[in-house]
Amino acid sequence: MNTNCSLPIVNLVAQRIDKLRIEQSLSLRELAKKSGISHSTLSNIIQATKIPNIYTLANICNALRISLSDFFNFDDNIITLRGKEAIII
């Protein structure tokens, strides 16, 4: 379901996927293919207009060679969610 996602965690997930993709020198098409999802779906996830379900996120993590637990470890920073803002300390 496409939606205008304003939840902070959605933006953090989108940014994290894109950061890991760039670090591994993968194009959107390459990561989409390795994840078993369409290019447009991955693009929408990275633009934070689509929320990935846990199965899709697990496939993306697998393609990026990272565990789900490591995926949510944002450089050991503490993430505090307040209202619509994410504060990384």
C-alpha atoms as a PDB file:
ATOM      1  CA  MET A   1       0.000   0.000   0.000  1.00  0.00           C
ATOM      2  CA  ASN A   2       1.461   3.337  -1.019  1.00  0.00           C
ATOM      3  CA  THR A   3       0.992   6.150   1.422  1.00  0.00           C
ATOM      4  CA  ASN A   4       2.622   9.359   2.493  1.00  0.00           C
ATOM      5  CA  CYS A   5       4.423   7.926   5.520  1.00  0.00           C
ATOM      6  CA  SER A   6       5.185  10.452   8.202  1.00  0.00           C
ATOM      7  CA  LEU A   7       6.340   8.058  10.931  1.00  0.00           C
ATOM      8  CA  PRO A   8       9.980   8.673  11.906  1.00  0.00           C
ATOM      9  CA  ILE A   9      10.854   4.968  11.854  1.00  0.00           C
ATOM     10  CA  VAL A  10       9.745   4.701   8.217  1.00  0.00           C
ATOM     11  CA  ASN A  11      12.193   7.427   7.253  1.00  0.00           C
ATOM     12  CA  LEU A  12      14.968   5.821   9.314  1.00  0.00           C
ATOM     13  CA  VAL A  13      14.376   2.439   7.639  1.00  0.00           C
ATOM     14  CA  ALA A  14      14.400   4.080   4.197  1.00  0.00           C
ATOM     15  CA  GLN A  15      17.624   5.959   4.930  1.00  0.00           C
ATOM     16  CA  ARG A  16      19.277   2.850   6.370  1.00  0.00           C
ATOM     17  CA  ILE A  17      18.475   0.729   3.301  1.00  0.00           C
ATOM     18  CA  ASP A  18      19.770   3.419   0.974  1.00  0.00           C
ATOM     19  CA  LYS A  19      22.955   3.954   3.020  1.00  0.00           C
ATOM     20  CA  LEU A  20      23.761   0.229   3.039  1.00  0.00           C
ATOM     21  CA  ARG A  21      22.963  -0.054  -0.672  1.00  0.00           C
ATOM     22  CA  ILE A  22      25.332   2.794  -1.527  1.00  0.00           C
ATOM     23  CA  GLU A  23      28.071   1.424   0.758  1.00  0.00           C
ATOM     24  CA  GLN A  24      27.898  -1.850  -1.170  1.00  0.00           C
ATOM     25  CA  SER A  25      27.892  -0.080  -4.548  1.00  0.00           C
ATOM     26  CA  LEU A  26      24.560  -1.609  -5.521  1.00  0.00           C
ATOM     27  CA  SER A  27      22.143   0.062  -7.881  1.00  0.00           C
ATOM     28  CA  LEU A  28      18.452   0.110  -7.013  1.00  0.00           C
ATOM     29  CA  ARG A  29      17.843  -2.468  -9.730  1.00  0.00           C
ATOM     30  CA  GLU A  30      20.587  -4.766  -8.411  1.00  0.00           C
ATOM     31  CA  LEU A  31      19.304  -4.629  -4.841  1.00  0.00           C
ATOM     32  CA  ALA A  32      15.706  -5.112  -5.989  1.00  0.00           C
ATOM     33  CA  LYS A  33      16.682  -8.180  -8.006  1.00  0.00           C
ATOM     34  CA  LYS A  34      18.708  -9.668  -5.125  1.00  0.00           C
ATOM     35  CA  SER A  35      15.791  -8.968  -2.758  1.00  0.00           C
ATOM     36  CA  GLY A  36      13.185 -10.500  -5.041  1.00  0.00           C
ATOM     37  CA  ILE A  37      11.119  -7.322  -5.263  1.00  0.00           C
ATOM     38  CA  SER A  38      10.401  -4.936  -8.094  1.00  0.00           C
ATOM     39  CA  HIS A  39      12.523  -1.877  -8.754  1.00  0.00           C
ATOM     40  CA  SER A  40       9.487   0.364  -8.235  1.00  0.00           C
ATOM     41  CA  THR A  41       8.689  -1.229  -4.861  1.00  0.00           C
ATOM     42  CA  LEU A  42      12.257  -0.721  -3.642  1.00  0.00           C
ATOM     43  CA  SER A  43      12.249   2.831  -4.938  1.00  0.00           C
ATOM     44  CA  ASN A  44       9.024   3.553  -3.034  1.00  0.00           C
ATOM     45  CA  ILE A  45      10.486   2.032   0.144  1.00  0.00           C
ATOM     46  CA  ILE A  46      13.632   4.167  -0.131  1.00  0.00           C
ATOM     47  CA  GLN A  47      11.497   7.261  -0.788  1.00  0.00           C
ATOM     48  CA  ALA A  48       9.511   6.360   2.357  1.00  0.00           C
ATOM     49  CA  THR A  49       6.241   6.252   0.431  1.00  0.00           C
ATOM     50  CA  LYS A  50       5.809   2.514   1.002  1.00  0.00           C
ATOM     51  CA  ILE A  51       6.252   0.650   4.270  1.00  0.00           C
ATOM     52  CA  PRO A  52       7.960  -2.735   3.813  1.00  0.00           C
ATOM     53  CA  ASN A  53       6.462  -5.676   5.652  1.00  0.00           C
ATOM     54  CA  ILE A  54       8.819  -7.772   7.779  1.00  0.00           C
ATOM     55  CA  TYR A  55       9.161 -10.424   5.059  1.00  0.00           C
ATOM     56  CA  THR A  56      10.229  -7.831   2.465  1.00  0.00           C
ATOM     57  CA  LEU A  57      12.590  -6.164   4.925  1.00  0.00           C
ATOM     58  CA  ALA A  58      14.147  -9.546   5.750  1.00  0.00           C
ATOM     59  CA  ASN A  59      14.708 -10.188   2.032  1.00  0.00           C
ATOM     60  CA  ILE A  60      16.332  -6.771   1.630  1.00  0.00           C
ATOM     61  CA  CYS A  61      18.565  -7.416   4.649  1.00  0.00           C
ATOM     62  CA  ASN A  62      19.520 -10.817   3.256  1.00  0.00           C
ATOM     63  CA  ALA A  63      20.466  -9.199  -0.066  1.00  0.00           C
ATOM     64  CA  LEU A  64      22.535  -6.625   1.842  1.00  0.00           C
ATOM     65  CA  ARG A  65      24.175  -9.430   3.867  1.00  0.00           C
ATOM     66  CA  ILE A  66      23.032  -7.986   7.186  1.00  0.00           C
ATOM     67  CA  SER A  67      20.830  -9.448   9.915  1.00  0.00           C
ATOM     68  CA  LEU A  68      17.596  -7.758  10.912  1.00  0.00           C
ATOM     69  CA  SER A  69      19.017  -7.064  14.377  1.00  0.00           C
ATOM     70  CA  ASP A  70      22.112  -5.411  12.875  1.00  0.00           C
ATOM     71  CA  PHE A  71      19.900  -3.477  10.467  1.00  0.00           C
ATOM     72  CA  PHE A  72      18.150  -1.811  13.406  1.00  0.00           C
ATOM     73  CA  ASN A  73      21.432  -1.036  15.173  1.00  0.00           C
ATOM     74  CA  PHE A  74      21.875   2.564  14.062  1.00  0.00           C
ATOM     75  CA  ASP A  75      25.573   2.964  14.894  1.00  0.00           C
ATOM     76  CA  ASP A  76      24.850   2.227  18.558  1.00  0.00           C
ATOM     77  CA  ASN A  77      23.082   5.583  18.857  1.00  0.00           C
ATOM     78  CA  ILE A  78      20.021   5.871  21.010  1.00  0.00           C
ATOM     79  CA  ILE A  79      16.981   6.728  18.940  1.00  0.00           C
ATOM     80  CA  THR A  80      14.210   8.551  20.729  1.00  0.00           C
ATOM     81  CA  LEU A  81      10.893   8.960  18.982  1.00  0.00           C
ATOM     82  CA  ARG A  82       8.957  12.032  20.014  1.00  0.00           C
ATOM     83  CA  GLY A  83       5.808  12.838  18.113  1.00  0.00           C
ATOM     84  CA  LYS A  84       6.798  12.947  14.462  1.00  0.00           C
ATOM     85  CA  GLU A  85      10.510  13.553  15.067  1.00  0.00           C
ATOM     86  CA  ALA A  86      13.328  11.094  15.520  1.00  0.00           C
ATOM     87  CA  ILE A  87      16.129  12.319  17.717  1.00  0.00           C
ATOM     88  CA  ILE A  88      19.409  10.458  17.393  1.00  0.00           C
ATOM     89  CA  ILE A  89      21.617  10.995  20.403  1.00  0.00           C
END
